[in-house]
Amino acid sequence: MAKQAKTPKSFENAIAQLEEIVAAMESRDLPLEDALDHYQQGIGLLRYCQDTLSRAEARLETLEANANDDDGAIAPADDPS
């Protein structure tokens, strides 16, 4: 049975976990069920990373748009938490 993936502590933590999963899948002979579990965990981490990067990109676009305002003031970014 597949383990329920935990939300990573950070983007960097998710990347490190992905690297570990890839290394494990590349370096040893995993039973099929273990390989599927690793793959499922990797997909969850990949989605987390993609979402995190999308939010960062949106935040940068907001910051750039605010920096180009007439008064030059930068509004605080929305906190996604």
C-alpha atoms as a PDB file:
ATOM      1  CA  MET A   1       0.000   0.000   0.000  1.00  0.00           C
ATOM      2  CA  ALA A   2       1.283   3.475  -0.910  1.00  0.00           C
ATOM      3  CA  LYS A   3       2.373   5.808   1.859  1.00  0.00           C
ATOM      4  CA  GLN A   4       0.553   9.107   2.194  1.00  0.00           C
ATOM      5  CA  ALA A   5       2.937  11.859   1.114  1.00  0.00           C
ATOM      6  CA  LYS A   6       3.641  14.597   3.636  1.00  0.00           C
ATOM      7  CA  THR A   7       3.842  18.204   2.553  1.00  0.00           C
ATOM      8  CA  PRO A   8       7.528  19.120   2.329  1.00  0.00           C
ATOM      9  CA  LYS A   9       8.900  21.718   4.749  1.00  0.00           C
ATOM     10  CA  SER A  10      10.239  23.800   1.866  1.00  0.00           C
ATOM     11  CA  PHE A  11      10.893  23.847  -1.857  1.00  0.00           C
ATOM     12  CA  GLU A  12      14.508  22.924  -1.195  1.00  0.00           C
ATOM     13  CA  ASN A  13      13.427  20.005   0.980  1.00  0.00           C
ATOM     14  CA  ALA A  14      11.136  18.764  -1.796  1.00  0.00           C
ATOM     15  CA  ILE A  15      13.980  18.928  -4.323  1.00  0.00           C
ATOM     16  CA  ALA A  16      16.234  16.963  -1.959  1.00  0.00           C
ATOM     17  CA  GLN A  17      13.534  14.323  -1.509  1.00  0.00           C
ATOM     18  CA  LEU A  18      13.062  14.086  -5.275  1.00  0.00           C
ATOM     19  CA  GLU A  19      16.804  13.591  -5.735  1.00  0.00           C
ATOM     20  CA  GLU A  20      16.755  10.788  -3.163  1.00  0.00           C
ATOM     21  CA  ILE A  21      13.834   9.090  -4.908  1.00  0.00           C
ATOM     22  CA  VAL A  22      15.515   9.305  -8.309  1.00  0.00           C
ATOM     23  CA  ALA A  23      18.782   7.964  -6.901  1.00  0.00           C
ATOM     24  CA  ALA A  24      16.989   5.074  -5.215  1.00  0.00           C
ATOM     25  CA  MET A  25      15.123   4.182  -8.387  1.00  0.00           C
ATOM     26  CA  GLU A  26      18.276   4.385 -10.504  1.00  0.00           C
ATOM     27  CA  SER A  27      20.713   2.618  -8.214  1.00  0.00           C
ATOM     28  CA  ARG A  28      18.969  -0.469  -6.965  1.00  0.00           C
ATOM     29  CA  ASP A  29      16.600  -3.183  -7.971  1.00  0.00           C
ATOM     30  CA  LEU A  30      13.363  -2.213  -6.305  1.00  0.00           C
ATOM     31  CA  PRO A  31      10.424  -4.559  -6.135  1.00  0.00           C
ATOM     32  CA  LEU A  32       7.614  -3.352  -8.363  1.00  0.00           C
ATOM     33  CA  GLU A  33       5.427  -2.160  -5.474  1.00  0.00           C
ATOM     34  CA  ASP A  34       8.301  -0.148  -3.970  1.00  0.00           C
ATOM     35  CA  ALA A  35       9.103   1.390  -7.348  1.00  0.00           C
ATOM     36  CA  LEU A  36       5.460   2.390  -7.754  1.00  0.00           C
ATOM     37  CA  ASP A  37       5.434   3.919  -4.264  1.00  0.00           C
ATOM     38  CA  HIS A  38       8.588   5.903  -5.066  1.00  0.00           C
ATOM     39  CA  TYR A  39       7.069   7.042  -8.345  1.00  0.00           C
ATOM     40  CA  GLN A  40       3.860   8.149  -6.621  1.00  0.00           C
ATOM     41  CA  GLN A  41       5.810  10.080  -3.987  1.00  0.00           C
ATOM     42  CA  GLY A  42       7.893  11.683  -6.722  1.00  0.00           C
ATOM     43  CA  ILE A  43       4.810  12.824  -8.623  1.00  0.00           C
ATOM     44  CA  GLY A  44       3.445  14.453  -5.454  1.00  0.00           C
ATOM     45  CA  LEU A  45       6.734  16.236  -4.833  1.00  0.00           C
ATOM     46  CA  LEU A  46       6.925  17.337  -8.455  1.00  0.00           C
ATOM     47  CA  ARG A  47       3.446  18.867  -8.235  1.00  0.00           C
ATOM     48  CA  TYR A  48       4.394  20.629  -5.000  1.00  0.00           C
ATOM     49  CA  CYS A  49       7.509  22.082  -6.682  1.00  0.00           C
ATOM     50  CA  GLN A  50       5.573  23.179  -9.762  1.00  0.00           C
ATOM     51  CA  ASP A  51       2.922  24.883  -7.621  1.00  0.00           C
ATOM     52  CA  THR A  52       5.587  26.584  -5.516  1.00  0.00           C
ATOM     53  CA  LEU A  53       7.369  27.865  -8.616  1.00  0.00           C
ATOM     54  CA  SER A  54       4.080  29.102 -10.115  1.00  0.00           C
ATOM     55  CA  ARG A  55       3.298  31.059  -6.945  1.00  0.00           C
ATOM     56  CA  ALA A  56       6.819  32.519  -6.916  1.00  0.00           C
ATOM     57  CA  GLU A  57       6.485  33.564 -10.545  1.00  0.00           C
ATOM     58  CA  ALA A  58       3.137  35.253  -9.860  1.00  0.00           C
ATOM     59  CA  ARG A  59       4.643  37.048  -6.880  1.00  0.00           C
ATOM     60  CA  LEU A  60       7.568  38.291  -9.003  1.00  0.00           C
ATOM     61  CA  GLU A  61       5.184  39.537 -11.674  1.00  0.00           C
ATOM     62  CA  THR A  62       3.242  41.451  -9.013  1.00  0.00           C
ATOM     63  CA  LEU A  63       6.444  42.944  -7.620  1.00  0.00           C
ATOM     64  CA  GLU A  64       7.610  43.993 -11.085  1.00  0.00           C
ATOM     65  CA  ALA A  65       4.230  45.512 -11.905  1.00  0.00           C
ATOM     66  CA  ASN A  66       4.210  47.446  -8.633  1.00  0.00           C
ATOM     67  CA  ALA A  67       7.785  48.625  -9.185  1.00  0.00           C
ATOM     68  CA  ASN A  68       6.683  50.126 -12.493  1.00  0.00           C
ATOM     69  CA  ASP A  69       3.867  52.167 -10.917  1.00  0.00           C
ATOM     70  CA  ASP A  70       4.112  55.954 -11.235  1.00  0.00           C
ATOM     71  CA  ASP A  71       4.982  56.519  -7.585  1.00  0.00           C
ATOM     72  CA  GLY A  72       7.603  53.750  -7.484  1.00  0.00           C
ATOM     73  CA  ALA A  73       6.242  52.315  -4.220  1.00  0.00           C
ATOM     74  CA  ILE A  74       6.208  48.572  -3.897  1.00  0.00           C
ATOM     75  CA  ALA A  75       3.096  47.121  -2.296  1.00  0.00           C
ATOM     76  CA  PRO A  76       3.543  44.180   0.089  1.00  0.00           C
ATOM     77  CA  ALA A  77       3.151  40.808  -1.595  1.00  0.00           C
ATOM     78  CA  ASP A  78       0.191  38.626  -0.681  1.00  0.00           C
ATOM     79  CA  ASP A  79       1.102  35.892   1.780  1.00  0.00           C
ATOM     80  CA  PRO A  80       0.024  32.563   0.205  1.00  0.00           C
ATOM     81  CA  SER A  81      -0.105  30.788   3.579  1.00  0.00           C
END
